[in-house]
Amino acid sequence: MGSVLLIALGILLLLAGFAGCILPMLPGPPLAYLALFCVTIDRGWAVYTTLEIVLLGAFTAAVTAVDTLMPVLGARKYGASKAGVWLSVAGLVVGMFVLPPFGFLLGAFVGALLGELLAGKGRGSIRPAWGVFVGTLLGVGLKLACCAVLAWYFAKGVWWR
């Protein structure tokens, strides 16, 4: 019975992890990473090597950190001012609560655009706002890829005997 509950919990964690790739209020990859522990505990710690667990944990932490920086890096690459960067972050936070689940994309874009307009860039404001949008989408894609890798390891662990 414990086996079924642990695997079911792992599946729920994986699903929450994938949802967290799109919903910024959920930590997607870390939730998916926790699913591996459900399989590991269920299989008596014999599914993955310590090196695999550590490397997957480091990968998850790196993806989570890089995802946090992607909108800012995108904004900087496309020439955003400090006002554009700060307002893009504010727009991301406001957008995720005002228009869930995809408001964070629109909010970051609009925030960067407003920041650049306030900085006096005029027609040049769209380029940095586009950079924020691209950076945010790249972060989402990176998180989805990470969760897919973790899901593969989870499935491998479930069918391992």
N, C-alpha and C. Protein backbone atom coordinates (compact mmCIF):
# COMPACT_ATOMS: atom_id res chain seq x y z
N MET A 1 0.82 -1.20 0.00
CA MET A 1 0.00 0.00 0.00
C MET A 1 0.86 1.26 0.00
N GLY A 2 1.94 1.26 0.79
CA GLY A 2 2.84 2.40 0.84
C GLY A 2 3.45 2.70 -0.52
N SER A 3 3.70 1.66 -1.26
CA SER A 3 4.30 1.82 -2.59
C SER A 3 3.37 2.63 -3.50
N VAL A 4 2.11 2.29 -3.50
CA VAL A 4 1.14 3.00 -4.35
C VAL A 4 1.02 4.46 -3.92
N LEU A 5 1.00 4.70 -2.63
CA LEU A 5 0.89 6.07 -2.13
C LEU A 5 2.12 6.90 -2.47
N LEU A 6 3.29 6.33 -2.33
CA LEU A 6 4.51 7.06 -2.66
C LEU A 6 4.60 7.38 -4.16
N ILE A 7 4.24 6.41 -4.98
CA ILE A 7 4.27 6.64 -6.43
C ILE A 7 3.21 7.67 -6.81
N ALA A 8 2.02 7.58 -6.22
CA ALA A 8 0.96 8.57 -6.49
C ALA A 8 1.40 9.96 -6.06
N LEU A 9 2.05 10.06 -4.89
CA LEU A 9 2.57 11.35 -4.43
C LEU A 9 3.63 11.87 -5.41
N GLY A 10 4.48 10.97 -5.89
CA GLY A 10 5.48 11.35 -6.87
C GLY A 10 4.87 11.88 -8.15
N ILE A 11 3.81 11.23 -8.61
CA ILE A 11 3.12 11.69 -9.83
C ILE A 11 2.51 13.07 -9.60
N LEU A 12 1.89 13.26 -8.43
CA LEU A 12 1.33 14.57 -8.11
C LEU A 12 2.41 15.65 -8.05
N LEU A 13 3.55 15.31 -7.49
CA LEU A 13 4.67 16.26 -7.44
C LEU A 13 5.17 16.59 -8.84
N LEU A 14 5.24 15.58 -9.70
CA LEU A 14 5.65 15.83 -11.09
C LEU A 14 4.66 16.75 -11.81
N LEU A 15 3.38 16.47 -11.64
CA LEU A 15 2.36 17.31 -12.27
C LEU A 15 2.43 18.74 -11.75
N ALA A 16 2.62 18.87 -10.43
CA ALA A 16 2.77 20.21 -9.85
C ALA A 16 4.03 20.87 -10.38
N GLY A 17 5.07 20.08 -10.60
CA GLY A 17 6.31 20.61 -11.15
C GLY A 17 6.11 21.16 -12.56
N PHE A 18 5.40 20.41 -13.40
CA PHE A 18 5.13 20.90 -14.75
C PHE A 18 4.23 22.14 -14.71
N ALA A 19 3.26 22.14 -13.81
CA ALA A 19 2.40 23.33 -13.67
C ALA A 19 3.23 24.53 -13.21
N GLY A 20 4.19 24.28 -12.34
CA GLY A 20 5.05 25.34 -11.84
C GLY A 20 5.97 25.94 -12.89
N CYS A 21 6.12 25.27 -14.00
CA CYS A 21 6.90 25.85 -15.11
C CYS A 21 6.17 27.03 -15.72
N ILE A 22 4.86 27.03 -15.61
CA ILE A 22 4.03 28.08 -16.19
C ILE A 22 3.47 29.01 -15.13
N LEU A 23 3.20 28.47 -13.97
CA LEU A 23 2.67 29.28 -12.87
C LEU A 23 3.82 29.71 -11.97
N PRO A 24 4.20 30.98 -12.02
CA PRO A 24 5.39 31.41 -11.29
C PRO A 24 5.31 31.27 -9.77
N MET A 25 4.11 31.10 -9.23
CA MET A 25 4.02 30.98 -7.78
C MET A 25 4.35 29.58 -7.27
N LEU A 26 4.53 28.62 -8.20
CA LEU A 26 4.94 27.26 -7.82
C LEU A 26 6.38 27.03 -8.26
N PRO A 27 7.20 26.46 -7.40
CA PRO A 27 8.59 26.17 -7.79
C PRO A 27 8.65 24.87 -8.59
N GLY A 28 8.44 24.95 -9.89
CA GLY A 28 8.31 23.78 -10.75
C GLY A 28 9.39 22.72 -10.63
N PRO A 29 10.61 22.99 -11.08
CA PRO A 29 11.64 21.95 -11.02
C PRO A 29 11.92 21.40 -9.62
N PRO A 30 11.96 22.22 -8.57
CA PRO A 30 12.17 21.61 -7.24
C PRO A 30 11.05 20.65 -6.84
N LEU A 31 9.82 20.92 -7.22
CA LEU A 31 8.73 19.98 -6.92
C LEU A 31 8.93 18.68 -7.69
N ALA A 32 9.31 18.78 -8.96
CA ALA A 32 9.56 17.58 -9.75
C ALA A 32 10.73 16.79 -9.18
N TYR A 33 11.73 17.49 -8.68
CA TYR A 33 12.88 16.82 -8.07
C TYR A 33 12.45 16.02 -6.84
N LEU A 34 11.51 16.55 -6.07
CA LEU A 34 11.03 15.83 -4.89
C LEU A 34 10.35 14.51 -5.27
N ALA A 35 9.81 14.45 -6.48
CA ALA A 35 9.19 13.20 -6.94
C ALA A 35 10.21 12.06 -6.99
N LEU A 36 11.46 12.40 -7.29
CA LEU A 36 12.50 11.36 -7.32
C LEU A 36 12.69 10.73 -5.95
N PHE A 37 12.51 11.52 -4.90
CA PHE A 37 12.67 10.97 -3.55
C PHE A 37 11.55 10.00 -3.20
N CYS A 38 10.38 10.22 -3.76
CA CYS A 38 9.28 9.27 -3.53
C CYS A 38 9.66 7.89 -4.09
N VAL A 39 10.21 7.88 -5.31
CA VAL A 39 10.62 6.61 -5.91
C VAL A 39 11.81 6.03 -5.16
N THR A 40 12.72 6.89 -4.79
CA THR A 40 13.92 6.42 -4.10
C THR A 40 13.57 5.78 -2.76
N ILE A 41 12.69 6.41 -2.02
CA ILE A 41 12.27 5.85 -0.73
C ILE A 41 11.52 4.54 -0.96
N ASP A 42 10.62 4.54 -1.96
CA ASP A 42 9.83 3.35 -2.26
C ASP A 42 10.71 2.17 -2.65
N ARG A 43 11.79 2.43 -3.36
CA ARG A 43 12.65 1.36 -3.85
C ARG A 43 13.84 1.08 -2.92
N GLY A 44 13.78 1.59 -1.71
CA GLY A 44 14.82 1.29 -0.74
C GLY A 44 16.16 1.94 -1.05
N TRP A 45 16.16 3.12 -1.64
CA TRP A 45 17.37 3.89 -1.94
C TRP A 45 18.31 3.16 -2.91
N ALA A 46 17.75 2.27 -3.74
CA ALA A 46 18.59 1.50 -4.65
C ALA A 46 18.37 1.86 -6.12
N VAL A 47 17.60 2.90 -6.40
CA VAL A 47 17.26 3.23 -7.79
C VAL A 47 18.35 4.07 -8.45
N TYR A 48 18.78 5.10 -7.77
CA TYR A 48 19.75 6.04 -8.34
C TYR A 48 21.02 6.02 -7.51
N THR A 49 22.12 6.31 -8.16
CA THR A 49 23.36 6.45 -7.41
C THR A 49 23.36 7.80 -6.70
N THR A 50 24.21 7.94 -5.73
CA THR A 50 24.34 9.22 -5.03
C THR A 50 24.75 10.31 -6.02
N LEU A 51 25.63 9.96 -6.94
CA LEU A 51 26.07 10.92 -7.95
C LEU A 51 24.90 11.41 -8.80
N GLU A 52 24.01 10.49 -9.20
CA GLU A 52 22.84 10.90 -9.99
C GLU A 52 21.95 11.85 -9.20
N ILE A 53 21.71 11.53 -7.94
CA ILE A 53 20.86 12.39 -7.11
C ILE A 53 21.49 13.77 -6.95
N VAL A 54 22.78 13.82 -6.69
CA VAL A 54 23.46 15.09 -6.51
C VAL A 54 23.47 15.89 -7.81
N LEU A 55 23.79 15.23 -8.93
CA LEU A 55 23.82 15.94 -10.22
C LEU A 55 22.44 16.45 -10.63
N LEU A 56 21.42 15.64 -10.42
CA LEU A 56 20.06 16.09 -10.75
C LEU A 56 19.64 17.25 -9.83
N GLY A 57 20.05 17.19 -8.57
CA GLY A 57 19.77 18.30 -7.65
C GLY A 57 20.48 19.57 -8.07
N ALA A 58 21.74 19.44 -8.47
CA ALA A 58 22.50 20.61 -8.93
C ALA A 58 21.89 21.17 -10.22
N PHE A 59 21.48 20.29 -11.11
CA PHE A 59 20.83 20.70 -12.36
C PHE A 59 19.54 21.46 -12.05
N THR A 60 18.75 20.92 -11.13
CA THR A 60 17.50 21.57 -10.74
C THR A 60 17.76 22.95 -10.13
N ALA A 61 18.73 23.04 -9.25
CA ALA A 61 19.06 24.32 -8.62
C ALA A 61 19.57 25.32 -9.66
N ALA A 62 20.40 24.85 -10.58
CA ALA A 62 20.93 25.74 -11.62
C ALA A 62 19.81 26.26 -12.53
N VAL A 63 18.91 25.38 -12.93
CA VAL A 63 17.80 25.79 -13.79
C VAL A 63 16.92 26.80 -13.06
N THR A 64 16.67 26.57 -11.79
CA THR A 64 15.84 27.49 -11.01
C THR A 64 16.51 28.86 -10.90
N ALA A 65 17.81 28.86 -10.67
CA ALA A 65 18.54 30.13 -10.58
C ALA A 65 18.58 30.86 -11.91
N VAL A 66 18.87 30.13 -12.98
CA VAL A 66 18.95 30.75 -14.31
C VAL A 66 17.59 31.27 -14.74
N ASP A 67 16.53 30.52 -14.42
CA ASP A 67 15.18 30.97 -14.77
C ASP A 67 14.86 32.31 -14.13
N THR A 68 15.32 32.51 -12.92
CA THR A 68 15.09 33.77 -12.22
C THR A 68 15.78 34.92 -12.94
N LEU A 69 16.94 34.63 -13.52
CA LEU A 69 17.72 35.67 -14.19
C LEU A 69 17.36 35.89 -15.66
N MET A 70 16.69 34.94 -16.29
CA MET A 70 16.45 35.02 -17.74
C MET A 70 15.73 36.30 -18.19
N PRO A 71 14.65 36.74 -17.53
CA PRO A 71 14.02 37.98 -17.99
C PRO A 71 14.97 39.18 -17.90
N VAL A 72 15.76 39.24 -16.83
CA VAL A 72 16.70 40.34 -16.66
C VAL A 72 17.79 40.27 -17.72
N LEU A 73 18.30 39.06 -17.97
CA LEU A 73 19.33 38.89 -19.00
C LEU A 73 18.79 39.26 -20.39
N GLY A 74 17.54 38.85 -20.65
CA GLY A 74 16.92 39.21 -21.93
C GLY A 74 16.76 40.71 -22.06
N ALA A 75 16.35 41.34 -20.99
CA ALA A 75 16.18 42.80 -21.01
C ALA A 75 17.51 43.48 -21.25
N ARG A 76 18.55 43.03 -20.55
CA ARG A 76 19.87 43.64 -20.71
C ARG A 76 20.43 43.42 -22.11
N LYS A 77 20.23 42.23 -22.65
CA LYS A 77 20.73 41.92 -23.99
C LYS A 77 20.08 42.83 -25.04
N TYR A 78 18.84 43.16 -24.82
CA TYR A 78 18.12 44.01 -25.77
C TYR A 78 18.16 45.48 -25.39
N GLY A 79 19.03 45.85 -24.44
CA GLY A 79 19.30 47.25 -24.15
C GLY A 79 18.37 47.94 -23.17
N ALA A 80 17.86 47.21 -22.19
CA ALA A 80 16.95 47.82 -21.22
C ALA A 80 17.70 48.71 -20.23
N SER A 81 17.01 49.73 -19.79
CA SER A 81 17.54 50.59 -18.73
C SER A 81 17.23 49.95 -17.38
N LYS A 82 17.75 50.56 -16.31
CA LYS A 82 17.44 50.05 -14.97
C LYS A 82 15.95 50.13 -14.69
N ALA A 83 15.33 51.22 -15.14
CA ALA A 83 13.87 51.37 -14.94
C ALA A 83 13.12 50.26 -15.66
N GLY A 84 13.56 49.92 -16.86
CA GLY A 84 12.92 48.85 -17.62
C GLY A 84 13.04 47.51 -16.92
N VAL A 85 14.22 47.22 -16.38
CA VAL A 85 14.44 45.96 -15.68
C VAL A 85 13.58 45.89 -14.42
N TRP A 86 13.61 46.95 -13.61
CA TRP A 86 12.86 46.95 -12.35
C TRP A 86 11.35 46.87 -12.59
N LEU A 87 10.88 47.62 -13.56
CA LEU A 87 9.43 47.58 -13.82
C LEU A 87 9.01 46.27 -14.49
N SER A 88 9.93 45.62 -15.19
CA SER A 88 9.58 44.31 -15.76
C SER A 88 9.38 43.29 -14.65
N VAL A 89 10.23 43.36 -13.63
CA VAL A 89 10.08 42.46 -12.48
C VAL A 89 8.78 42.77 -11.74
N ALA A 90 8.50 44.05 -11.53
CA ALA A 90 7.24 44.43 -10.87
C ALA A 90 6.04 43.99 -11.71
N GLY A 91 6.13 44.16 -13.03
CA GLY A 91 5.05 43.74 -13.92
C GLY A 91 4.84 42.24 -13.89
N LEU A 92 5.92 41.49 -13.79
CA LEU A 92 5.82 40.04 -13.70
C LEU A 92 5.04 39.63 -12.45
N VAL A 93 5.37 40.25 -11.33
CA VAL A 93 4.70 39.91 -10.06
C VAL A 93 3.23 40.32 -10.11
N VAL A 94 2.96 41.54 -10.56
CA VAL A 94 1.57 42.00 -10.64
C VAL A 94 0.78 41.15 -11.64
N GLY A 95 1.38 40.87 -12.77
CA GLY A 95 0.70 40.10 -13.82
C GLY A 95 0.31 38.71 -13.38
N MET A 96 1.14 38.07 -12.56
CA MET A 96 0.80 36.70 -12.16
C MET A 96 -0.41 36.67 -11.24
N PHE A 97 -0.69 37.77 -10.56
CA PHE A 97 -1.86 37.81 -9.68
C PHE A 97 -3.09 38.39 -10.38
N VAL A 98 -2.88 39.31 -11.32
CA VAL A 98 -4.00 39.97 -11.98
C VAL A 98 -4.58 39.10 -13.10
N LEU A 99 -3.71 38.46 -13.88
CA LEU A 99 -4.17 37.66 -15.01
C LEU A 99 -3.54 36.26 -15.00
N PRO A 100 -3.81 35.48 -13.96
CA PRO A 100 -3.21 34.15 -13.95
C PRO A 100 -3.80 33.28 -15.06
N PRO A 101 -3.15 32.30 -15.62
CA PRO A 101 -1.80 31.88 -15.31
C PRO A 101 -0.73 32.53 -16.19
N PHE A 102 -1.12 33.21 -17.26
CA PHE A 102 -0.12 33.73 -18.18
C PHE A 102 0.14 35.23 -18.04
N GLY A 103 -0.44 35.85 -17.03
CA GLY A 103 -0.26 37.27 -16.82
C GLY A 103 1.17 37.68 -16.55
N PHE A 104 1.97 36.73 -16.04
CA PHE A 104 3.37 37.06 -15.77
C PHE A 104 4.10 37.43 -17.06
N LEU A 105 3.75 36.79 -18.18
CA LEU A 105 4.38 37.14 -19.46
C LEU A 105 3.99 38.54 -19.89
N LEU A 106 2.70 38.80 -19.89
CA LEU A 106 2.20 40.11 -20.29
C LEU A 106 2.66 41.19 -19.32
N GLY A 107 2.60 40.89 -18.03
CA GLY A 107 3.00 41.87 -17.02
C GLY A 107 4.46 42.26 -17.14
N ALA A 108 5.33 41.28 -17.38
CA ALA A 108 6.76 41.57 -17.53
C ALA A 108 7.00 42.43 -18.77
N PHE A 109 6.31 42.10 -19.84
CA PHE A 109 6.45 42.86 -21.08
C PHE A 109 5.99 44.31 -20.89
N VAL A 110 4.79 44.46 -20.34
CA VAL A 110 4.23 45.80 -20.14
C VAL A 110 5.07 46.59 -19.14
N GLY A 111 5.54 45.94 -18.08
CA GLY A 111 6.38 46.62 -17.11
C GLY A 111 7.67 47.14 -17.73
N ALA A 112 8.31 46.30 -18.55
CA ALA A 112 9.54 46.73 -19.23
C ALA A 112 9.26 47.87 -20.19
N LEU A 113 8.15 47.76 -20.90
CA LEU A 113 7.77 48.81 -21.85
C LEU A 113 7.54 50.14 -21.13
N LEU A 114 6.81 50.10 -20.02
CA LEU A 114 6.57 51.32 -19.25
C LEU A 114 7.87 51.88 -18.68
N GLY A 115 8.73 51.00 -18.19
CA GLY A 115 10.01 51.45 -17.67
C GLY A 115 10.85 52.15 -18.72
N GLU A 116 10.86 51.62 -19.91
CA GLU A 116 11.64 52.23 -21.00
C GLU A 116 11.01 53.55 -21.44
N LEU A 117 9.68 53.60 -21.46
CA LEU A 117 9.01 54.86 -21.80
C LEU A 117 9.32 55.93 -20.75
N LEU A 118 9.31 55.53 -19.47
CA LEU A 118 9.65 56.47 -18.39
C LEU A 118 11.12 56.91 -18.47
N ALA A 119 11.97 56.03 -18.99
CA ALA A 119 13.39 56.37 -19.13
C ALA A 119 13.64 57.24 -20.36
N GLY A 120 12.57 57.51 -21.13
CA GLY A 120 12.69 58.41 -22.27
C GLY A 120 13.14 57.77 -23.56
N LYS A 121 12.97 56.47 -23.71
CA LYS A 121 13.42 55.81 -24.94
C LYS A 121 12.42 55.91 -26.08
N GLY A 122 11.21 56.30 -25.80
CA GLY A 122 10.21 56.49 -26.85
C GLY A 122 9.98 55.23 -27.68
N ARG A 123 10.17 55.36 -29.00
CA ARG A 123 9.91 54.22 -29.90
C ARG A 123 10.89 53.07 -29.68
N GLY A 124 12.03 53.35 -29.07
CA GLY A 124 13.01 52.30 -28.80
C GLY A 124 12.65 51.45 -27.59
N SER A 125 11.52 51.70 -27.00
CA SER A 125 11.11 50.98 -25.79
C SER A 125 10.67 49.56 -26.06
N ILE A 126 10.24 49.27 -27.27
CA ILE A 126 9.68 47.95 -27.57
C ILE A 126 10.76 46.87 -27.58
N ARG A 127 11.96 47.24 -28.02
CA ARG A 127 13.04 46.24 -28.11
C ARG A 127 13.40 45.65 -26.74
N PRO A 128 13.66 46.44 -25.71
CA PRO A 128 13.95 45.85 -24.39
C PRO A 128 12.76 45.07 -23.83
N ALA A 129 11.55 45.54 -24.09
CA ALA A 129 10.36 44.82 -23.62
C ALA A 129 10.30 43.45 -24.29
N TRP A 130 10.63 43.41 -25.56
CA TRP A 130 10.67 42.14 -26.28
C TRP A 130 11.75 41.23 -25.67
N GLY A 131 12.87 41.80 -25.27
CA GLY A 131 13.92 41.02 -24.63
C GLY A 131 13.45 40.37 -23.34
N VAL A 132 12.66 41.08 -22.56
CA VAL A 132 12.09 40.52 -21.34
C VAL A 132 11.17 39.36 -21.68
N PHE A 133 10.34 39.55 -22.69
CA PHE A 133 9.40 38.50 -23.11
C PHE A 133 10.17 37.25 -23.56
N VAL A 134 11.18 37.45 -24.40
CA VAL A 134 11.99 36.32 -24.88
C VAL A 134 12.71 35.63 -23.72
N GLY A 135 13.30 36.41 -22.83
CA GLY A 135 13.98 35.83 -21.68
C GLY A 135 13.04 35.03 -20.79
N THR A 136 11.84 35.54 -20.60
CA THR A 136 10.85 34.84 -19.78
C THR A 136 10.45 33.52 -20.45
N LEU A 137 10.22 33.56 -21.76
CA LEU A 137 9.87 32.33 -22.47
C LEU A 137 11.01 31.31 -22.45
N LEU A 138 12.23 31.78 -22.58
CA LEU A 138 13.38 30.87 -22.49
C LEU A 138 13.46 30.22 -21.11
N GLY A 139 13.18 31.00 -20.07
CA GLY A 139 13.17 30.44 -18.72
C GLY A 139 12.10 29.37 -18.56
N VAL A 140 10.92 29.61 -19.11
CA VAL A 140 9.85 28.61 -19.06
C VAL A 140 10.27 27.35 -19.80
N GLY A 141 10.86 27.52 -20.97
CA GLY A 141 11.32 26.37 -21.75
C GLY A 141 12.39 25.57 -21.01
N LEU A 142 13.29 26.27 -20.36
CA LEU A 142 14.34 25.62 -19.59
C LEU A 142 13.75 24.81 -18.44
N LYS A 143 12.77 25.39 -17.75
CA LYS A 143 12.12 24.68 -16.65
C LYS A 143 11.37 23.45 -17.16
N LEU A 144 10.69 23.59 -18.30
CA LEU A 144 9.98 22.44 -18.87
C LEU A 144 10.95 21.32 -19.24
N ALA A 145 12.09 21.68 -19.81
CA ALA A 145 13.10 20.68 -20.16
C ALA A 145 13.62 19.98 -18.91
N CYS A 146 13.87 20.74 -17.86
CA CYS A 146 14.34 20.16 -16.60
C CYS A 146 13.30 19.19 -16.04
N CYS A 147 12.04 19.60 -16.04
CA CYS A 147 10.98 18.72 -15.52
C CYS A 147 10.83 17.47 -16.37
N ALA A 148 11.04 17.59 -17.68
CA ALA A 148 10.97 16.42 -18.55
C ALA A 148 12.08 15.43 -18.21
N VAL A 149 13.29 15.92 -17.96
CA VAL A 149 14.39 15.05 -17.55
C VAL A 149 14.07 14.37 -16.23
N LEU A 150 13.55 15.14 -15.28
CA LEU A 150 13.20 14.57 -13.98
C LEU A 150 12.06 13.56 -14.11
N ALA A 151 11.11 13.82 -15.00
CA ALA A 151 10.02 12.87 -15.23
C ALA A 151 10.56 11.56 -15.82
N TRP A 152 11.55 11.68 -16.70
CA TRP A 152 12.16 10.47 -17.27
C TRP A 152 12.83 9.65 -16.18
N TYR A 153 13.56 10.31 -15.30
CA TYR A 153 14.20 9.60 -14.19
C TYR A 153 13.17 9.00 -13.24
N PHE A 154 12.08 9.71 -13.04
CA PHE A 154 11.00 9.18 -12.20
C PHE A 154 10.43 7.91 -12.83
N ALA A 155 10.12 7.96 -14.12
CA ALA A 155 9.57 6.79 -14.81
C ALA A 155 10.57 5.63 -14.77
N LYS A 156 11.83 5.94 -14.97
CA LYS A 156 12.88 4.92 -14.89
C LYS A 156 12.88 4.27 -13.52
N GLY A 157 12.73 5.06 -12.49
CA GLY A 157 12.70 4.54 -11.13
C GLY A 157 11.46 3.72 -10.82
N VAL A 158 10.33 4.13 -11.39
CA VAL A 158 9.08 3.39 -11.14
C VAL A 158 9.15 2.01 -11.77
N TRP A 159 9.72 1.91 -12.95
CA TRP A 159 9.77 0.61 -13.64
C TRP A 159 11.03 -0.18 -13.34
N TRP A 160 11.90 0.39 -12.52
CA TRP A 160 13.12 -0.33 -12.14
C TRP A 160 12.79 -1.40 -11.13
N ARG A 161 13.34 -2.54 -11.30
CA ARG A 161 13.13 -3.61 -10.31
C ARG A 161 14.43 -4.31 -10.03
